[in-house]
Structures are given as C-alpha cells and as structure tokens.
Amino acid sequence: MVFLALVQFGSPIAGLLFGAWYVLPAVAVGAGVALLLRWWRRAAAERARAVRLASLRLTLGELDALDPTGFELAVRDLMVRDGIAARHVGRQGDQAADAIGKDSMGRTFVAQCKHTTSGGRVASRVMYEVNGTAGPAHGADIAVVVTNGTFTRDARVWGDRHHVYWIDRDRLRQWAEDGVSLQRILRLPMRSGPRRSASKATA
C-alpha cells in the first residue's frame, strides 16, 4: 500500500520533471553563475581590504580611543599589513591569544593584546601566561604581547629571557604610526628558526 501511494504521488512529479527537462540545465547554469558571482565579490572585497591595509597607519590617540576588542582588531590589521595572514581569535577562554597569523615563511605569530585607557602597565603574569600557551596551544613560533601602555621592568626582563616579545607604547608608535613592520621591530631573522630574545628588538 505504501509503495503504491509513493508511486501515485511521485508519478506527477516525475512527469513534470521529465516534461520540463530543458529547464534543468538553465537552473544549473544559473546556480553556477550565482556562486561564481558570490566568489568574485568576496575576492574583490579581500583585494580592496588588502589595498586599504597596505598603507594602514594608526596614531596612538586613535589606538587609545579604542575598546579592548577594537584594539585586538587593530593589531590584527597591522599584522595583515605586514604580510602576516592574521585572524582575530580574542574571546573568553582564548588561552592568551587575541590574533594568530602566519607569514610567508611559515612562521606562526601569536599576539596577546592588553589595552589600557589609564597608562597601565603589563605585569610578569601576562608574560607567564603567553609563554605557557603560545607554543603548546597555538603552535607559535613568535609570541608577542602588545599594549598601548608599558611593561613592568620584571615583565620585560622575563620576556627577554624566555623569548616572549613585547611591544610597548614606544614600539607601538613605530609599528602603527610610522609604518615600521612588526618583523623589523622585532628584528626577526630572514628565514624560519627558533624564536629570538626580545632583548634584541629595537627600543
């Protein structure tokens, strides 16, 4: 009974499809064109974004005015400007990573961002957290903490000793305002290798 019902119900549909077979290629072509157009628009948007970011400059005043999420997005955009294919990952439980990206040499960068509106200082605890998660959790070759404030002396010394790079307000000005690439500020080697001490970064 069920089989007969399916046959009876399906026969009109099958007849309609076979009777209008010439419509199916047109539908397929239309769907293909729609997908191609969608891909083209997305690619064009990415190209336009790359062109815009290639000349990105942000003043310290603009960075200070951002909220923490906006600061994370700005750091991501600066990484992209410098040829690092970065994405924003900052969220609760982010395991000390707000932006992660990879450069043309295959090095993975992990950035932890600390935004302050009151001239705050990043303490050693942040450096410990980044050092403990950047490699094991994110596969980082380059771990860097970025702030629009400053670092305590202990944080800088500990970071230098344990190969956690740091970008304080002075270095952020070079990076964001002056357009010096992150790679140059950190004085990274020209080919892949182990992370170097942040003490060799430019002051």
C-alpha atoms as a PDB file:
ATOM      1  CA  MET A   1       0.000   0.000   0.000  1.00  0.00           C
ATOM      2  CA  VAL A   2       2.745   2.412   0.938  1.00  0.00           C
ATOM      3  CA  PHE A   3       4.639   1.588  -2.238  1.00  0.00           C
ATOM      4  CA  LEU A   4       1.573   2.217  -4.364  1.00  0.00           C
ATOM      5  CA  ALA A   5       0.970   5.529  -2.599  1.00  0.00           C
ATOM      6  CA  LEU A   6       4.560   6.628  -3.274  1.00  0.00           C
ATOM      7  CA  VAL A   7       4.233   5.657  -6.925  1.00  0.00           C
ATOM      8  CA  GLN A   8       0.967   7.527  -7.254  1.00  0.00           C
ATOM      9  CA  PHE A   9       2.374  10.593  -5.506  1.00  0.00           C
ATOM     10  CA  GLY A  10       5.682  10.521  -7.327  1.00  0.00           C
ATOM     11  CA  SER A  11       4.346   9.979 -10.825  1.00  0.00           C
ATOM     12  CA  PRO A  12       3.095  13.563 -11.323  1.00  0.00           C
ATOM     13  CA  ILE A  13       6.402  14.978 -10.022  1.00  0.00           C
ATOM     14  CA  ALA A  14       8.437  12.701 -12.281  1.00  0.00           C
ATOM     15  CA  GLY A  15       6.238  13.613 -15.191  1.00  0.00           C
ATOM     16  CA  LEU A  16       6.697  17.285 -14.514  1.00  0.00           C
ATOM     17  CA  LEU A  17      10.478  16.923 -14.321  1.00  0.00           C
ATOM     18  CA  PHE A  18      10.747  14.873 -17.482  1.00  0.00           C
ATOM     19  CA  GLY A  19       8.310  17.142 -19.280  1.00  0.00           C
ATOM     20  CA  ALA A  20      10.370  20.216 -18.399  1.00  0.00           C
ATOM     21  CA  TRP A  21      13.807  18.612 -18.710  1.00  0.00           C
ATOM     22  CA  TYR A  22      15.095  21.559 -20.697  1.00  0.00           C
ATOM     23  CA  VAL A  23      14.707  23.798 -17.617  1.00  0.00           C
ATOM     24  CA  LEU A  24      17.203  21.816 -15.530  1.00  0.00           C
ATOM     25  CA  PRO A  25      20.355  22.911 -17.426  1.00  0.00           C
ATOM     26  CA  ALA A  26      19.256  26.521 -17.174  1.00  0.00           C
ATOM     27  CA  VAL A  27      18.744  26.157 -13.423  1.00  0.00           C
ATOM     28  CA  ALA A  28      22.190  24.555 -13.062  1.00  0.00           C
ATOM     29  CA  VAL A  29      23.837  27.304 -15.092  1.00  0.00           C
ATOM     30  CA  GLY A  30      22.042  29.977 -13.075  1.00  0.00           C
ATOM     31  CA  ALA A  31      23.203  28.422  -9.809  1.00  0.00           C
ATOM     32  CA  GLY A  32      26.766  28.230 -11.118  1.00  0.00           C
ATOM     33  CA  VAL A  33      26.723  31.870 -12.176  1.00  0.00           C
ATOM     34  CA  ALA A  34      25.366  32.903  -8.765  1.00  0.00           C
ATOM     35  CA  LEU A  35      28.162  31.009  -6.983  1.00  0.00           C
ATOM     36  CA  LEU A  36      30.786  32.468  -9.308  1.00  0.00           C
ATOM     37  CA  LEU A  37      29.455  35.996  -8.743  1.00  0.00           C
ATOM     38  CA  ARG A  38      29.478  35.481  -4.989  1.00  0.00           C
ATOM     39  CA  TRP A  39      33.095  34.255  -5.115  1.00  0.00           C
ATOM     40  CA  TRP A  40      34.110  37.194  -7.318  1.00  0.00           C
ATOM     41  CA  ARG A  41      32.544  39.713  -4.944  1.00  0.00           C
ATOM     42  CA  ARG A  42      34.265  38.119  -1.972  1.00  0.00           C
ATOM     43  CA  ALA A  43      37.639  38.108  -3.770  1.00  0.00           C
ATOM     44  CA  ALA A  44      37.173  41.741  -4.803  1.00  0.00           C
ATOM     45  CA  ALA A  45      36.385  42.698  -1.206  1.00  0.00           C
ATOM     46  CA  GLU A  46      39.508  40.908   0.007  1.00  0.00           C
ATOM     47  CA  ARG A  47      41.644  42.674  -2.609  1.00  0.00           C
ATOM     48  CA  ALA A  48      40.176  46.046  -1.636  1.00  0.00           C
ATOM     49  CA  ARG A  49      40.844  45.306   2.034  1.00  0.00           C
ATOM     50  CA  ALA A  50      44.451  44.306   1.268  1.00  0.00           C
ATOM     51  CA  VAL A  51      44.997  47.562  -0.632  1.00  0.00           C
ATOM     52  CA  ARG A  52      43.498  49.559   2.227  1.00  0.00           C
ATOM     53  CA  LEU A  53      45.599  47.801   4.854  1.00  0.00           C
ATOM     54  CA  ALA A  54      48.822  48.112   2.827  1.00  0.00           C
ATOM     55  CA  SER A  55      49.019  51.771   3.790  1.00  0.00           C
ATOM     56  CA  LEU A  56      47.408  51.461   7.216  1.00  0.00           C
ATOM     57  CA  ARG A  57      48.585  53.995   9.788  1.00  0.00           C
ATOM     58  CA  LEU A  58      47.077  54.388  13.247  1.00  0.00           C
ATOM     59  CA  THR A  59      48.031  57.079  15.726  1.00  0.00           C
ATOM     60  CA  LEU A  60      48.454  56.346  19.410  1.00  0.00           C
ATOM     61  CA  GLY A  61      45.491  58.628  20.038  1.00  0.00           C
ATOM     62  CA  GLU A  62      43.314  56.503  17.771  1.00  0.00           C
ATOM     63  CA  LEU A  63      44.503  53.308  19.441  1.00  0.00           C
ATOM     64  CA  ASP A  64      43.924  54.769  22.911  1.00  0.00           C
ATOM     65  CA  ALA A  65      40.328  55.610  21.953  1.00  0.00           C
ATOM     66  CA  LEU A  66      39.507  52.004  21.043  1.00  0.00           C
ATOM     67  CA  ASP A  67      37.893  49.479  23.335  1.00  0.00           C
ATOM     68  CA  PRO A  68      39.774  46.206  24.023  1.00  0.00           C
ATOM     69  CA  THR A  69      38.140  44.365  21.115  1.00  0.00           C
ATOM     70  CA  GLY A  70      38.815  47.251  18.751  1.00  0.00           C
ATOM     71  CA  PHE A  71      42.452  47.217  19.839  1.00  0.00           C
ATOM     72  CA  GLU A  72      42.679  43.486  19.102  1.00  0.00           C
ATOM     73  CA  LEU A  73      41.228  44.062  15.631  1.00  0.00           C
ATOM     74  CA  ALA A  74      43.690  46.905  15.019  1.00  0.00           C
ATOM     75  CA  VAL A  75      46.609  44.654  15.958  1.00  0.00           C
ATOM     76  CA  ARG A  76      45.272  42.010  13.585  1.00  0.00           C
ATOM     77  CA  ASP A  77      45.048  44.572  10.768  1.00  0.00           C
ATOM     78  CA  LEU A  78      48.594  45.766  11.402  1.00  0.00           C
ATOM     79  CA  MET A  79      49.789  42.164  11.198  1.00  0.00           C
ATOM     80  CA  VAL A  80      47.965  41.745   7.888  1.00  0.00           C
ATOM     81  CA  ARG A  81      49.545  44.965   6.623  1.00  0.00           C
ATOM     82  CA  ASP A  82      52.954  43.429   7.314  1.00  0.00           C
ATOM     83  CA  GLY A  83      52.270  40.279   5.302  1.00  0.00           C
ATOM     84  CA  ILE A  84      51.040  38.095   8.150  1.00  0.00           C
ATOM     85  CA  ALA A  85      47.800  36.289   7.295  1.00  0.00           C
ATOM     86  CA  ALA A  86      46.213  37.019  10.668  1.00  0.00           C
ATOM     87  CA  ARG A  87      42.777  36.392  12.112  1.00  0.00           C
ATOM     88  CA  HIS A  88      41.106  37.671  15.259  1.00  0.00           C
ATOM     89  CA  VAL A  89      40.538  34.978  17.880  1.00  0.00           C
ATOM     90  CA  GLY A  90      40.199  37.029  21.058  1.00  0.00           C
ATOM     91  CA  ARG A  91      37.363  35.865  23.285  1.00  0.00           C
ATOM     92  CA  GLN A  92      36.809  34.485  26.768  1.00  0.00           C
ATOM     93  CA  GLY A  93      38.974  31.393  27.207  1.00  0.00           C
ATOM     94  CA  ASP A  94      41.233  32.379  24.294  1.00  0.00           C
ATOM     95  CA  GLN A  95      44.280  30.858  26.009  1.00  0.00           C
ATOM     96  CA  ALA A  96      46.305  34.077  25.863  1.00  0.00           C
ATOM     97  CA  ALA A  97      45.812  34.720  22.141  1.00  0.00           C
ATOM     98  CA  ASP A  98      43.918  37.574  20.511  1.00  0.00           C
ATOM     99  CA  ALA A  99      45.342  37.407  16.982  1.00  0.00           C
ATOM    100  CA  ILE A 100      47.020  34.489  15.241  1.00  0.00           C
ATOM    101  CA  GLY A 101      48.664  34.559  11.827  1.00  0.00           C
ATOM    102  CA  LYS A 102      51.299  33.055   9.587  1.00  0.00           C
ATOM    103  CA  ASP A 103      53.830  34.861   7.414  1.00  0.00           C
ATOM    104  CA  SER A 104      55.237  33.899   4.012  1.00  0.00           C
ATOM    105  CA  MET A 105      57.997  31.854   5.639  1.00  0.00           C
ATOM    106  CA  GLY A 106      55.503  29.722   7.519  1.00  0.00           C
ATOM    107  CA  ARG A 107      56.152  31.240  10.945  1.00  0.00           C
ATOM    108  CA  THR A 108      53.133  31.350  13.231  1.00  0.00           C
ATOM    109  CA  PHE A 109      52.621  34.597  15.156  1.00  0.00           C
ATOM    110  CA  VAL A 110      50.506  34.744  18.295  1.00  0.00           C
ATOM    111  CA  ALA A 111      49.653  38.174  19.727  1.00  0.00           C
ATOM    112  CA  GLN A 112      48.148  38.843  23.117  1.00  0.00           C
ATOM    113  CA  CYS A 113      46.717  42.368  23.371  1.00  0.00           C
ATOM    114  CA  LYS A 114      46.464  44.470  26.526  1.00  0.00           C
ATOM    115  CA  HIS A 115      44.607  47.732  26.012  1.00  0.00           C
ATOM    116  CA  THR A 116      44.635  50.367  28.714  1.00  0.00           C
ATOM    117  CA  THR A 117      42.997  53.772  28.997  1.00  0.00           C
ATOM    118  CA  SER A 118      44.945  54.864  32.064  1.00  0.00           C
ATOM    119  CA  GLY A 119      48.603  54.302  31.228  1.00  0.00           C
ATOM    120  CA  GLY A 120      48.527  50.840  32.752  1.00  0.00           C
ATOM    121  CA  ARG A 121      51.496  48.511  32.973  1.00  0.00           C
ATOM    122  CA  VAL A 122      51.628  44.884  31.894  1.00  0.00           C
ATOM    123  CA  ALA A 123      52.974  42.655  34.657  1.00  0.00           C
ATOM    124  CA  SER A 124      55.056  39.493  34.519  1.00  0.00           C
ATOM    125  CA  ARG A 125      51.964  37.320  34.996  1.00  0.00           C
ATOM    126  CA  VAL A 126      50.856  38.066  31.426  1.00  0.00           C
ATOM    127  CA  MET A 127      54.239  37.002  30.094  1.00  0.00           C
ATOM    128  CA  TYR A 128      53.998  33.735  32.031  1.00  0.00           C
ATOM    129  CA  GLU A 129      50.572  33.018  30.539  1.00  0.00           C
ATOM    130  CA  VAL A 130      51.655  33.737  26.980  1.00  0.00           C
ATOM    131  CA  ASN A 131      54.805  31.666  27.331  1.00  0.00           C
ATOM    132  CA  GLY A 132      52.793  28.756  28.698  1.00  0.00           C
ATOM    133  CA  THR A 133      50.161  28.691  25.945  1.00  0.00           C
ATOM    134  CA  ALA A 134      51.564  30.280  22.770  1.00  0.00           C
ATOM    135  CA  GLY A 135      53.536  27.222  21.724  1.00  0.00           C
ATOM    136  CA  PRO A 136      51.589  24.293  23.212  1.00  0.00           C
ATOM    137  CA  ALA A 137      48.091  25.639  22.498  1.00  0.00           C
ATOM    138  CA  HIS A 138      48.650  27.637  19.304  1.00  0.00           C
ATOM    139  CA  GLY A 139      51.868  26.335  17.742  1.00  0.00           C
ATOM    140  CA  ALA A 140      53.518  29.753  17.923  1.00  0.00           C
ATOM    141  CA  ASP A 141      56.978  30.455  16.569  1.00  0.00           C
ATOM    142  CA  ILE A 142      56.684  34.127  17.532  1.00  0.00           C
ATOM    143  CA  ALA A 143      54.827  35.085  20.711  1.00  0.00           C
ATOM    144  CA  VAL A 144      54.281  38.794  21.338  1.00  0.00           C
ATOM    145  CA  VAL A 145      52.397  40.865  23.891  1.00  0.00           C
ATOM    146  CA  VAL A 146      51.133  44.221  22.599  1.00  0.00           C
ATOM    147  CA  THR A 147      49.966  47.113  24.744  1.00  0.00           C
ATOM    148  CA  ASN A 148      49.317  50.810  24.328  1.00  0.00           C
ATOM    149  CA  GLY A 149      50.718  51.178  27.827  1.00  0.00           C
ATOM    150  CA  THR A 150      54.010  49.976  29.262  1.00  0.00           C
ATOM    151  CA  PHE A 151      55.545  46.873  30.832  1.00  0.00           C
ATOM    152  CA  THR A 152      56.990  46.498  34.283  1.00  0.00           C
ATOM    153  CA  ARG A 153      60.734  46.006  34.387  1.00  0.00           C
ATOM    154  CA  ASP A 154      60.274  42.427  35.602  1.00  0.00           C
ATOM    155  CA  ALA A 155      57.913  41.692  32.685  1.00  0.00           C
ATOM    156  CA  ARG A 156      60.419  42.990  30.142  1.00  0.00           C
ATOM    157  CA  VAL A 157      63.318  41.097  31.680  1.00  0.00           C
ATOM    158  CA  TRP A 158      61.319  37.883  31.967  1.00  0.00           C
ATOM    159  CA  GLY A 159      60.091  38.213  28.394  1.00  0.00           C
ATOM    160  CA  ASP A 160      63.605  38.769  27.105  1.00  0.00           C
ATOM    161  CA  ARG A 161      64.867  35.747  28.963  1.00  0.00           C
ATOM    162  CA  HIS A 162      62.066  33.418  27.862  1.00  0.00           C
ATOM    163  CA  HIS A 163      61.673  34.613  24.258  1.00  0.00           C
ATOM    164  CA  VAL A 164      58.336  36.374  24.629  1.00  0.00           C
ATOM    165  CA  TYR A 165      58.453  39.562  22.542  1.00  0.00           C
ATOM    166  CA  TRP A 166      56.848  42.730  23.837  1.00  0.00           C
ATOM    167  CA  ILE A 167      55.511  45.840  22.121  1.00  0.00           C
ATOM    168  CA  ASP A 168      55.120  48.770  24.484  1.00  0.00           C
ATOM    169  CA  ARG A 169      53.846  52.254  23.725  1.00  0.00           C
ATOM    170  CA  ASP A 170      57.101  53.420  22.115  1.00  0.00           C
ATOM    171  CA  ARG A 171      57.361  50.376  19.865  1.00  0.00           C
ATOM    172  CA  LEU A 172      53.650  50.592  19.087  1.00  0.00           C
ATOM    173  CA  ARG A 173      54.214  54.116  17.774  1.00  0.00           C
ATOM    174  CA  GLN A 174      56.900  52.808  15.412  1.00  0.00           C
ATOM    175  CA  TRP A 175      54.649  49.972  14.282  1.00  0.00           C
ATOM    176  CA  ALA A 176      51.287  51.710  13.950  1.00  0.00           C
ATOM    177  CA  GLU A 177      52.149  55.365  13.279  1.00  0.00           C
ATOM    178  CA  ASP A 178      55.487  55.171  11.464  1.00  0.00           C
ATOM    179  CA  GLY A 179      54.665  52.050   9.482  1.00  0.00           C
ATOM    180  CA  VAL A 180      57.726  50.030  10.535  1.00  0.00           C
ATOM    181  CA  SER A 181      56.899  46.351  10.042  1.00  0.00           C
ATOM    182  CA  LEU A 182      56.483  44.063  13.025  1.00  0.00           C
ATOM    183  CA  GLN A 183      59.256  41.870  11.664  1.00  0.00           C
ATOM    184  CA  ARG A 184      61.685  44.788  11.633  1.00  0.00           C
ATOM    185  CA  ILE A 185      60.701  45.985  15.083  1.00  0.00           C
ATOM    186  CA  LEU A 186      61.274  42.502  16.492  1.00  0.00           C
ATOM    187  CA  ARG A 187      64.371  42.036  14.311  1.00  0.00           C
ATOM    188  CA  LEU A 188      63.245  38.638  13.173  1.00  0.00           C
ATOM    189  CA  PRO A 189      65.596  36.513  11.069  1.00  0.00           C
ATOM    190  CA  MET A 190      65.015  36.421   7.335  1.00  0.00           C
ATOM    191  CA  ARG A 191      64.374  32.690   7.405  1.00  0.00           C
ATOM    192  CA  SER A 192      62.500  30.410   9.754  1.00  0.00           C
ATOM    193  CA  GLY A 193      64.134  29.486  13.000  1.00  0.00           C
ATOM    194  CA  PRO A 194      63.598  29.421  16.761  1.00  0.00           C
ATOM    195  CA  ARG A 195      62.261  32.499  18.475  1.00  0.00           C
ATOM    196  CA  ARG A 196      64.911  35.046  19.326  1.00  0.00           C
ATOM    197  CA  SER A 197      65.157  37.017  22.535  1.00  0.00           C
ATOM    198  CA  ALA A 198      63.049  40.154  22.640  1.00  0.00           C
ATOM    199  CA  SER A 199      66.018  41.942  24.177  1.00  0.00           C
ATOM    200  CA  LYS A 200      67.393  42.246  20.651  1.00  0.00           C
ATOM    201  CA  ALA A 201      64.321  44.095  19.426  1.00  0.00           C
ATOM    202  CA  THR A 202      64.588  47.779  18.738  1.00  0.00           C
ATOM    203  CA  ALA A 203      63.999  50.032  21.688  1.00  0.00           C
END
